[in-house]
Amino acid sequence: HAATSSASAQAIAHKMIPDAAQYKAFSNIVSHESGWNVKATNASSGAYGLVQALPASKMASAGSDWKTNPATQIKWGLDYMNSRYG
């Protein structure tokens, strides 16, 4: 499914994060956490998605399609990073 490809996830993130420096920081985290794989799952912890949320279900706060929609995962990740790091 094309919508879950890493390139399209990156394109969606670019649209959602117009600031180049912020995008680069977000991209570095996602590349490290999941390699831009929307369905990345950590076998030992169960962390899931682009930003490896743990528990994965907390991404539901950004949308019910959090398991498969990169935009929902990115929205959650941005909210999380903004609240944690400002």
PDB file of N, CA and C in Angstrom:
ATOM      1  N   HIS A   1       0.851  -1.199   0.000  1.00  0.00           N
ATOM      2  CA  HIS A   1       0.000   0.000   0.000  1.00  0.00           C
ATOM      3  C   HIS A   1       0.879   1.238   0.000  1.00  0.00           C
ATOM      4  N   ALA A   2       0.701   2.090  -0.981  1.00  0.00           N
ATOM      5  CA  ALA A   2       1.589   3.240  -1.166  1.00  0.00           C
ATOM      6  C   ALA A   2       1.547   4.228   0.006  1.00  0.00           C
ATOM      7  N   ALA A   3       0.402   4.357   0.640  1.00  0.00           N
ATOM      8  CA  ALA A   3       0.260   5.351   1.705  1.00  0.00           C
ATOM      9  C   ALA A   3       1.140   5.041   2.907  1.00  0.00           C
ATOM     10  N   THR A   4       1.582   3.799   3.038  1.00  0.00           N
ATOM     11  CA  THR A   4       2.412   3.456   4.178  1.00  0.00           C
ATOM     12  C   THR A   4       3.892   3.375   3.830  1.00  0.00           C
ATOM     13  N   SER A   5       4.267   3.797   2.612  1.00  0.00           N
ATOM     14  CA  SER A   5       5.679   3.766   2.249  1.00  0.00           C
ATOM     15  C   SER A   5       6.445   4.844   3.014  1.00  0.00           C
ATOM     16  N   SER A   6       7.730   4.588   3.229  1.00  0.00           N
ATOM     17  CA  SER A   6       8.520   5.548   3.989  1.00  0.00           C
ATOM     18  C   SER A   6       8.607   6.892   3.274  1.00  0.00           C
ATOM     19  N   ALA A   7       8.697   6.871   1.936  1.00  0.00           N
ATOM     20  CA  ALA A   7       8.796   8.134   1.198  1.00  0.00           C
ATOM     21  C   ALA A   7       7.538   8.970   1.357  1.00  0.00           C
ATOM     22  N   SER A   8       6.371   8.337   1.308  1.00  0.00           N
ATOM     23  CA  SER A   8       5.152   9.125   1.463  1.00  0.00           C
ATOM     24  C   SER A   8       4.992   9.602   2.899  1.00  0.00           C
ATOM     25  N   ALA A   9       5.436   8.811   3.876  1.00  0.00           N
ATOM     26  CA  ALA A   9       5.389   9.269   5.269  1.00  0.00           C
ATOM     27  C   ALA A   9       6.269  10.505   5.440  1.00  0.00           C
ATOM     28  N   GLN A  10       7.439  10.494   4.790  1.00  0.00           N
ATOM     29  CA  GLN A  10       8.325  11.653   4.868  1.00  0.00           C
ATOM     30  C   GLN A  10       7.690  12.871   4.192  1.00  0.00           C
ATOM     31  N   ALA A  11       7.028  12.650   3.062  1.00  0.00           N
ATOM     32  CA  ALA A  11       6.382  13.761   2.354  1.00  0.00           C
ATOM     33  C   ALA A  11       5.267  14.367   3.207  1.00  0.00           C
ATOM     34  N   ILE A  12       4.500  13.511   3.867  1.00  0.00           N
ATOM     35  CA  ILE A  12       3.434  13.996   4.755  1.00  0.00           C
ATOM     36  C   ILE A  12       4.036  14.803   5.895  1.00  0.00           C
ATOM     37  N   ALA A  13       5.117  14.297   6.483  1.00  0.00           N
ATOM     38  CA  ALA A  13       5.768  15.009   7.577  1.00  0.00           C
ATOM     39  C   ALA A  13       6.264  16.371   7.109  1.00  0.00           C
ATOM     40  N   HIS A  14       6.818  16.425   5.901  1.00  0.00           N
ATOM     41  CA  HIS A  14       7.322  17.688   5.367  1.00  0.00           C
ATOM     42  C   HIS A  14       6.194  18.716   5.260  1.00  0.00           C
ATOM     43  N   LYS A  15       5.020  18.276   4.818  1.00  0.00           N
ATOM     44  CA  LYS A  15       3.871  19.185   4.717  1.00  0.00           C
ATOM     45  C   LYS A  15       3.417  19.647   6.094  1.00  0.00           C
ATOM     46  N   MET A  16       3.474  18.754   7.077  1.00  0.00           N
ATOM     47  CA  MET A  16       2.994  19.071   8.420  1.00  0.00           C
ATOM     48  C   MET A  16       4.004  19.888   9.213  1.00  0.00           C
ATOM     49  N   ILE A  17       5.267  19.865   8.796  1.00  0.00           N
ATOM     50  CA  ILE A  17       6.345  20.571   9.510  1.00  0.00           C
ATOM     51  C   ILE A  17       7.091  21.454   8.521  1.00  0.00           C
ATOM     52  N   PRO A  18       6.545  22.627   8.210  1.00  0.00           N
ATOM     53  CA  PRO A  18       7.177  23.475   7.196  1.00  0.00           C
ATOM     54  C   PRO A  18       8.542  24.026   7.610  1.00  0.00           C
ATOM     55  N   ASP A  19       8.792  24.145   8.908  1.00  0.00           N
ATOM     56  CA  ASP A  19      10.074  24.674   9.361  1.00  0.00           C
ATOM     57  C   ASP A  19      11.181  23.650   9.142  1.00  0.00           C
ATOM     58  N   ALA A  20      12.192  24.016   8.368  1.00  0.00           N
ATOM     59  CA  ALA A  20      13.233  23.067   7.964  1.00  0.00           C
ATOM     60  C   ALA A  20      13.996  22.489   9.152  1.00  0.00           C
ATOM     61  N   ALA A  21      14.340  23.325  10.123  1.00  0.00           N
ATOM     62  CA  ALA A  21      15.109  22.840  11.273  1.00  0.00           C
ATOM     63  C   ALA A  21      14.276  21.877  12.114  1.00  0.00           C
ATOM     64  N   GLN A  22      13.000  22.212  12.298  1.00  0.00           N
ATOM     65  CA  GLN A  22      12.132  21.332  13.074  1.00  0.00           C
ATOM     66  C   GLN A  22      11.913  20.010  12.331  1.00  0.00           C
ATOM     67  N   TYR A  23      11.739  20.097  11.016  1.00  0.00           N
ATOM     68  CA  TYR A  23      11.564  18.876  10.237  1.00  0.00           C
ATOM     69  C   TYR A  23      12.798  17.987  10.352  1.00  0.00           C
ATOM     70  N   LYS A  24      13.983  18.593  10.262  1.00  0.00           N
ATOM     71  CA  LYS A  24      15.219  17.816  10.335  1.00  0.00           C
ATOM     72  C   LYS A  24      15.323  17.106  11.677  1.00  0.00           C
ATOM     73  N   ALA A  25      14.985  17.800  12.745  1.00  0.00           N
ATOM     74  CA  ALA A  25      15.032  17.195  14.078  1.00  0.00           C
ATOM     75  C   ALA A  25      14.040  16.039  14.177  1.00  0.00           C
ATOM     76  N   PHE A  26      12.822  16.272  13.689  1.00  0.00           N
ATOM     77  CA  PHE A  26      11.796  15.227  13.709  1.00  0.00           C
ATOM     78  C   PHE A  26      12.233  14.038  12.857  1.00  0.00           C
ATOM     79  N   SER A  27      12.764  14.331  11.673  1.00  0.00           N
ATOM     80  CA  SER A  27      13.200  13.286  10.760  1.00  0.00           C
ATOM     81  C   SER A  27      14.315  12.437  11.370  1.00  0.00           C
ATOM     82  N   ASN A  28      15.250  13.080  12.057  1.00  0.00           N
ATOM     83  CA  ASN A  28      16.339  12.342  12.695  1.00  0.00           C
ATOM     84  C   ASN A  28      15.795  11.356  13.726  1.00  0.00           C
ATOM     85  N   ILE A  29      14.818  11.805  14.508  1.00  0.00           N
ATOM     86  CA  ILE A  29      14.223  10.939  15.527  1.00  0.00           C
ATOM     87  C   ILE A  29      13.506   9.768  14.870  1.00  0.00           C
ATOM     88  N   VAL A  30      12.672  10.066  13.862  1.00  0.00           N
ATOM     89  CA  VAL A  30      11.906   8.998  13.213  1.00  0.00           C
ATOM     90  C   VAL A  30      12.829   8.016  12.494  1.00  0.00           C
ATOM     91  N   SER A  31      13.851   8.527  11.823  1.00  0.00           N
ATOM     92  CA  SER A  31      14.795   7.646  11.138  1.00  0.00           C
ATOM     93  C   SER A  31      15.430   6.675  12.126  1.00  0.00           C
ATOM     94  N   HIS A  32      15.791   7.197  13.296  1.00  0.00           N
ATOM     95  CA  HIS A  32      16.418   6.374  14.326  1.00  0.00           C
ATOM     96  C   HIS A  32      15.416   5.380  14.933  1.00  0.00           C
ATOM     97  N   GLU A  33      14.207   5.849  15.214  1.00  0.00           N
ATOM     98  CA  GLU A  33      13.220   5.026  15.914  1.00  0.00           C
ATOM     99  C   GLU A  33      12.633   3.922  15.034  1.00  0.00           C
ATOM    100  N   SER A  34      12.317   4.260  13.768  1.00  0.00           N
ATOM    101  CA  SER A  34      11.528   3.325  12.963  1.00  0.00           C
ATOM    102  C   SER A  34      11.975   3.203  11.515  1.00  0.00           C
ATOM    103  N   GLY A  35      12.936   4.020  11.092  1.00  0.00           N
ATOM    104  CA  GLY A  35      13.297   4.029   9.686  1.00  0.00           C
ATOM    105  C   GLY A  35      12.129   4.424   8.801  1.00  0.00           C
ATOM    106  N   TRP A  36      11.231   5.256   9.332  1.00  0.00           N
ATOM    107  CA  TRP A  36      10.035   5.744   8.621  1.00  0.00           C
ATOM    108  C   TRP A  36       9.060   4.604   8.261  1.00  0.00           C
ATOM    109  N   ASN A  37       9.060   3.544   9.057  1.00  0.00           N
ATOM    110  CA  ASN A  37       8.117   2.443   8.854  1.00  0.00           C
ATOM    111  C   ASN A  37       6.923   2.662   9.778  1.00  0.00           C
ATOM    112  N   VAL A  38       5.760   2.950   9.160  1.00  0.00           N
ATOM    113  CA  VAL A  38       4.550   3.264   9.924  1.00  0.00           C
ATOM    114  C   VAL A  38       4.156   2.103  10.847  1.00  0.00           C
ATOM    115  N   LYS A  39       4.492   0.891  10.433  1.00  0.00           N
ATOM    116  CA  LYS A  39       4.084  -0.290  11.206  1.00  0.00           C
ATOM    117  C   LYS A  39       5.247  -0.914  11.974  1.00  0.00           C
ATOM    118  N   ALA A  40       6.308  -0.141  12.178  1.00  0.00           N
ATOM    119  CA  ALA A  40       7.451  -0.646  12.937  1.00  0.00           C
ATOM    120  C   ALA A  40       7.010  -1.025  14.342  1.00  0.00           C
ATOM    121  N   THR A  41       7.386  -2.212  14.760  1.00  0.00           N
ATOM    122  CA  THR A  41       7.026  -2.688  16.099  1.00  0.00           C
ATOM    123  C   THR A  41       8.273  -3.191  16.804  1.00  0.00           C
ATOM    124  N   ASN A  42       8.481  -2.736  18.027  1.00  0.00           N
ATOM    125  CA  ASN A  42       9.610  -3.198  18.815  1.00  0.00           C
ATOM    126  C   ASN A  42       9.222  -4.520  19.474  1.00  0.00           C
ATOM    127  N   ALA A  43       9.938  -5.578  19.124  1.00  0.00           N
ATOM    128  CA  ALA A  43       9.568  -6.920  19.588  1.00  0.00           C
ATOM    129  C   ALA A  43       9.614  -7.052  21.108  1.00  0.00           C
ATOM    130  N   SER A  44      10.541  -6.350  21.745  1.00  0.00           N
ATOM    131  CA  SER A  44      10.658  -6.521  23.197  1.00  0.00           C
ATOM    132  C   SER A  44       9.713  -5.623  23.985  1.00  0.00           C
ATOM    133  N   SER A  45       9.520  -4.379  23.527  1.00  0.00           N
ATOM    134  CA  SER A  45       8.704  -3.445  24.314  1.00  0.00           C
ATOM    135  C   SER A  45       7.277  -3.296  23.800  1.00  0.00           C
ATOM    136  N   GLY A  46       7.076  -3.579  22.491  1.00  0.00           N
ATOM    137  CA  GLY A  46       5.767  -3.352  21.902  1.00  0.00           C
ATOM    138  C   GLY A  46       5.573  -1.934  21.399  1.00  0.00           C
ATOM    139  N   ALA A  47       6.624  -1.092  21.493  1.00  0.00           N
ATOM    140  CA  ALA A  47       6.532   0.264  20.956  1.00  0.00           C
ATOM    141  C   ALA A  47       6.209   0.184  19.468  1.00  0.00           C
ATOM    142  N   TYR A  48       5.427   1.156  18.980  1.00  0.00           N
ATOM    143  CA  TYR A  48       4.870   1.027  17.638  1.00  0.00           C
ATOM    144  C   TYR A  48       4.938   2.322  16.867  1.00  0.00           C
ATOM    145  N   GLY A  49       5.108   2.172  15.548  1.00  0.00           N
ATOM    146  CA  GLY A  49       4.932   3.299  14.637  1.00  0.00           C
ATOM    147  C   GLY A  49       6.186   4.112  14.389  1.00  0.00           C
ATOM    148  N   LEU A  50       5.978   5.213  13.680  1.00  0.00           N
ATOM    149  CA  LEU A  50       7.074   6.091  13.267  1.00  0.00           C
ATOM    150  C   LEU A  50       7.894   6.562  14.448  1.00  0.00           C
ATOM    151  N   VAL A  51       7.226   6.945  15.525  1.00  0.00           N
ATOM    152  CA  VAL A  51       7.935   7.492  16.687  1.00  0.00           C
ATOM    153  C   VAL A  51       7.999   6.496  17.840  1.00  0.00           C
ATOM    154  N   GLN A  52       7.637   5.221  17.567  1.00  0.00           N
ATOM    155  CA  GLN A  52       7.744   4.153  18.564  1.00  0.00           C
ATOM    156  C   GLN A  52       7.048   4.537  19.873  1.00  0.00           C
ATOM    157  N   ALA A  53       5.776   4.860  19.774  1.00  0.00           N
ATOM    158  CA  ALA A  53       4.986   5.196  20.950  1.00  0.00           C
ATOM    159  C   ALA A  53       4.849   3.983  21.860  1.00  0.00           C
ATOM    160  N   LEU A  54       4.891   4.227  23.149  1.00  0.00           N
ATOM    161  CA  LEU A  54       4.750   3.167  24.142  1.00  0.00           C
ATOM    162  C   LEU A  54       3.942   3.673  25.330  1.00  0.00           C
ATOM    163  N   PRO A  55       2.792   3.090  25.628  1.00  0.00           N
ATOM    164  CA  PRO A  55       2.142   2.074  24.810  1.00  0.00           C
ATOM    165  C   PRO A  55       1.636   2.663  23.494  1.00  0.00           C
ATOM    166  N   ALA A  56       1.604   1.839  22.470  1.00  0.00           N
ATOM    167  CA  ALA A  56       1.216   2.306  21.146  1.00  0.00           C
ATOM    168  C   ALA A  56      -0.161   2.956  21.149  1.00  0.00           C
ATOM    169  N   SER A  57      -1.057   2.442  21.997  1.00  0.00           N
ATOM    170  CA  SER A  57      -2.444   2.913  22.000  1.00  0.00           C
ATOM    171  C   SER A  57      -2.575   4.381  22.376  1.00  0.00           C
ATOM    172  N   LYS A  58      -1.556   4.975  22.968  1.00  0.00           N
ATOM    173  CA  LYS A  58      -1.696   6.394  23.308  1.00  0.00           C
ATOM    174  C   LYS A  58      -1.752   7.273  22.066  1.00  0.00           C
ATOM    175  N   MET A  59      -1.335   6.744  20.902  1.00  0.00           N
ATOM    176  CA  MET A  59      -1.470   7.518  19.670  1.00  0.00           C
ATOM    177  C   MET A  59      -2.926   7.687  19.251  1.00  0.00           C
ATOM    178  N   ALA A  60      -3.832   6.909  19.833  1.00  0.00           N
ATOM    179  CA  ALA A  60      -5.255   7.043  19.510  1.00  0.00           C
ATOM    180  C   ALA A  60      -5.766   8.443  19.823  1.00  0.00           C
ATOM    181  N   SER A  61      -5.062   9.170  20.697  1.00  0.00           N
ATOM    182  CA  SER A  61      -5.480  10.542  21.008  1.00  0.00           C
ATOM    183  C   SER A  61      -5.382  11.451  19.791  1.00  0.00           C
ATOM    184  N   ALA A  62      -4.594  11.046  18.784  1.00  0.00           N
ATOM    185  CA  ALA A  62      -4.444  11.852  17.568  1.00  0.00           C
ATOM    186  C   ALA A  62      -5.379  11.389  16.458  1.00  0.00           C
ATOM    187  N   GLY A  63      -5.992  10.216  16.615  1.00  0.00           N
ATOM    188  CA  GLY A  63      -6.913   9.719  15.591  1.00  0.00           C
ATOM    189  C   GLY A  63      -7.073   8.216  15.688  1.00  0.00           C
ATOM    190  N   SER A  64      -8.250   7.733  15.324  1.00  0.00           N
ATOM    191  CA  SER A  64      -8.541   6.304  15.458  1.00  0.00           C
ATOM    192  C   SER A  64      -7.807   5.451  14.431  1.00  0.00           C
ATOM    193  N   ASP A  65      -7.237   6.093  13.413  1.00  0.00           N
ATOM    194  CA  ASP A  65      -6.513   5.355  12.369  1.00  0.00           C
ATOM    195  C   ASP A  65      -5.009   5.304  12.637  1.00  0.00           C
ATOM    196  N   TRP A  66      -4.638   5.437  13.896  1.00  0.00           N
ATOM    197  CA  TRP A  66      -3.227   5.570  14.265  1.00  0.00           C
ATOM    198  C   TRP A  66      -2.363   4.376  13.870  1.00  0.00           C
ATOM    199  N   LYS A  67      -2.948   3.193  13.725  1.00  0.00           N
ATOM    200  CA  LYS A  67      -2.131   2.023  13.392  1.00  0.00           C
ATOM    201  C   LYS A  67      -1.580   2.083  11.973  1.00  0.00           C
ATOM    202  N   THR A  68      -2.290   2.766  11.060  1.00  0.00           N
ATOM    203  CA  THR A  68      -1.913   2.720   9.653  1.00  0.00           C
ATOM    204  C   THR A  68      -1.688   4.076   9.006  1.00  0.00           C
ATOM    205  N   ASN A  69      -2.105   5.165   9.636  1.00  0.00           N
ATOM    206  CA  ASN A  69      -2.039   6.484   8.989  1.00  0.00           C
ATOM    207  C   ASN A  69      -0.801   7.242   9.467  1.00  0.00           C
ATOM    208  N   PRO A  70       0.168   7.466   8.551  1.00  0.00           N
ATOM    209  CA  PRO A  70       1.360   8.193   8.985  1.00  0.00           C
ATOM    210  C   PRO A  70       1.052   9.596   9.484  1.00  0.00           C
ATOM    211  N   ALA A  71       0.073  10.268   8.901  1.00  0.00           N
ATOM    212  CA  ALA A  71      -0.250  11.632   9.341  1.00  0.00           C
ATOM    213  C   ALA A  71      -0.700  11.642  10.792  1.00  0.00           C
ATOM    214  N   THR A  72      -1.491  10.651  11.186  1.00  0.00           N
ATOM    215  CA  THR A  72      -1.946  10.564  12.573  1.00  0.00           C
ATOM    216  C   THR A  72      -0.760  10.332  13.508  1.00  0.00           C
ATOM    217  N   GLN A  73       0.148   9.453  13.114  1.00  0.00           N
ATOM    218  CA  GLN A  73       1.329   9.189  13.942  1.00  0.00           C
ATOM    219  C   GLN A  73       2.228  10.417  14.038  1.00  0.00           C
ATOM    220  N   ILE A  74       2.380  11.128  12.927  1.00  0.00           N
ATOM    221  CA  ILE A  74       3.214  12.340  12.912  1.00  0.00           C
ATOM    222  C   ILE A  74       2.586  13.406  13.800  1.00  0.00           C
ATOM    223  N   LYS A  75       1.270  13.587  13.692  1.00  0.00           N
ATOM    224  CA  LYS A  75       0.567  14.565  14.533  1.00  0.00           C
ATOM    225  C   LYS A  75       0.803  14.243  16.006  1.00  0.00           C
ATOM    226  N   TRP A  76       0.640  12.963  16.359  1.00  0.00           N
ATOM    227  CA  TRP A  76       0.858  12.574  17.753  1.00  0.00           C
ATOM    228  C   TRP A  76       2.308  12.835  18.165  1.00  0.00           C
ATOM    229  N   GLY A  77       3.238  12.456  17.297  1.00  0.00           N
ATOM    230  CA  GLY A  77       4.651  12.641  17.607  1.00  0.00           C
ATOM    231  C   GLY A  77       5.022  14.096  17.808  1.00  0.00           C
ATOM    232  N   LEU A  78       4.472  14.962  16.969  1.00  0.00           N
ATOM    233  CA  LEU A  78       4.743  16.394  17.106  1.00  0.00           C
ATOM    234  C   LEU A  78       4.172  16.935  18.401  1.00  0.00           C
ATOM    235  N   ASP A  79       2.935  16.536  18.725  1.00  0.00           N
ATOM    236  CA  ASP A  79       2.320  16.989  19.977  1.00  0.00           C
ATOM    237  C   ASP A  79       3.169  16.542  21.169  1.00  0.00           C
ATOM    238  N   TYR A  80       3.617  15.287  21.096  1.00  0.00           N
ATOM    239  CA  TYR A  80       4.440  14.725  22.178  1.00  0.00           C
ATOM    240  C   TYR A  80       5.753  15.492  22.315  1.00  0.00           C
ATOM    241  N   MET A  81       6.418  15.732  21.186  1.00  0.00           N
ATOM    242  CA  MET A  81       7.702  16.420  21.232  1.00  0.00           C
ATOM    243  C   MET A  81       7.537  17.858  21.696  1.00  0.00           C
ATOM    244  N   ASN A  82       6.478  18.526  21.234  1.00  0.00           N
ATOM    245  CA  ASN A  82       6.253  19.908  21.657  1.00  0.00           C
ATOM    246  C   ASN A  82       5.994  19.979  23.157  1.00  0.00           C
ATOM    247  N   SER A  83       5.236  19.017  23.689  1.00  0.00           N
ATOM    248  CA  SER A  83       4.945  19.053  25.120  1.00  0.00           C
ATOM    249  C   SER A  83       6.174  18.669  25.944  1.00  0.00           C
ATOM    250  N   ARG A  84       7.010  17.804  25.392  1.00  0.00           N
ATOM    251  CA  ARG A  84       8.167  17.341  26.151  1.00  0.00           C
ATOM    252  C   ARG A  84       9.373  18.263  26.002  1.00  0.00           C
ATOM    253  N   TYR A  85       9.609  18.755  24.785  1.00  0.00           N
ATOM    254  CA  TYR A  85      10.825  19.523  24.531  1.00  0.00           C
ATOM    255  C   TYR A  85      10.571  20.994  24.194  1.00  0.00           C
ATOM    256  N   GLY A  86       9.338  21.344  23.888  1.00  0.00           N
ATOM    257  CA  GLY A  86       8.997  22.723  23.585  1.00  0.00           C
ATOM    258  C   GLY A  86       9.438  23.183  22.209  1.00  0.00           C
TER     259      GLY A  86
END
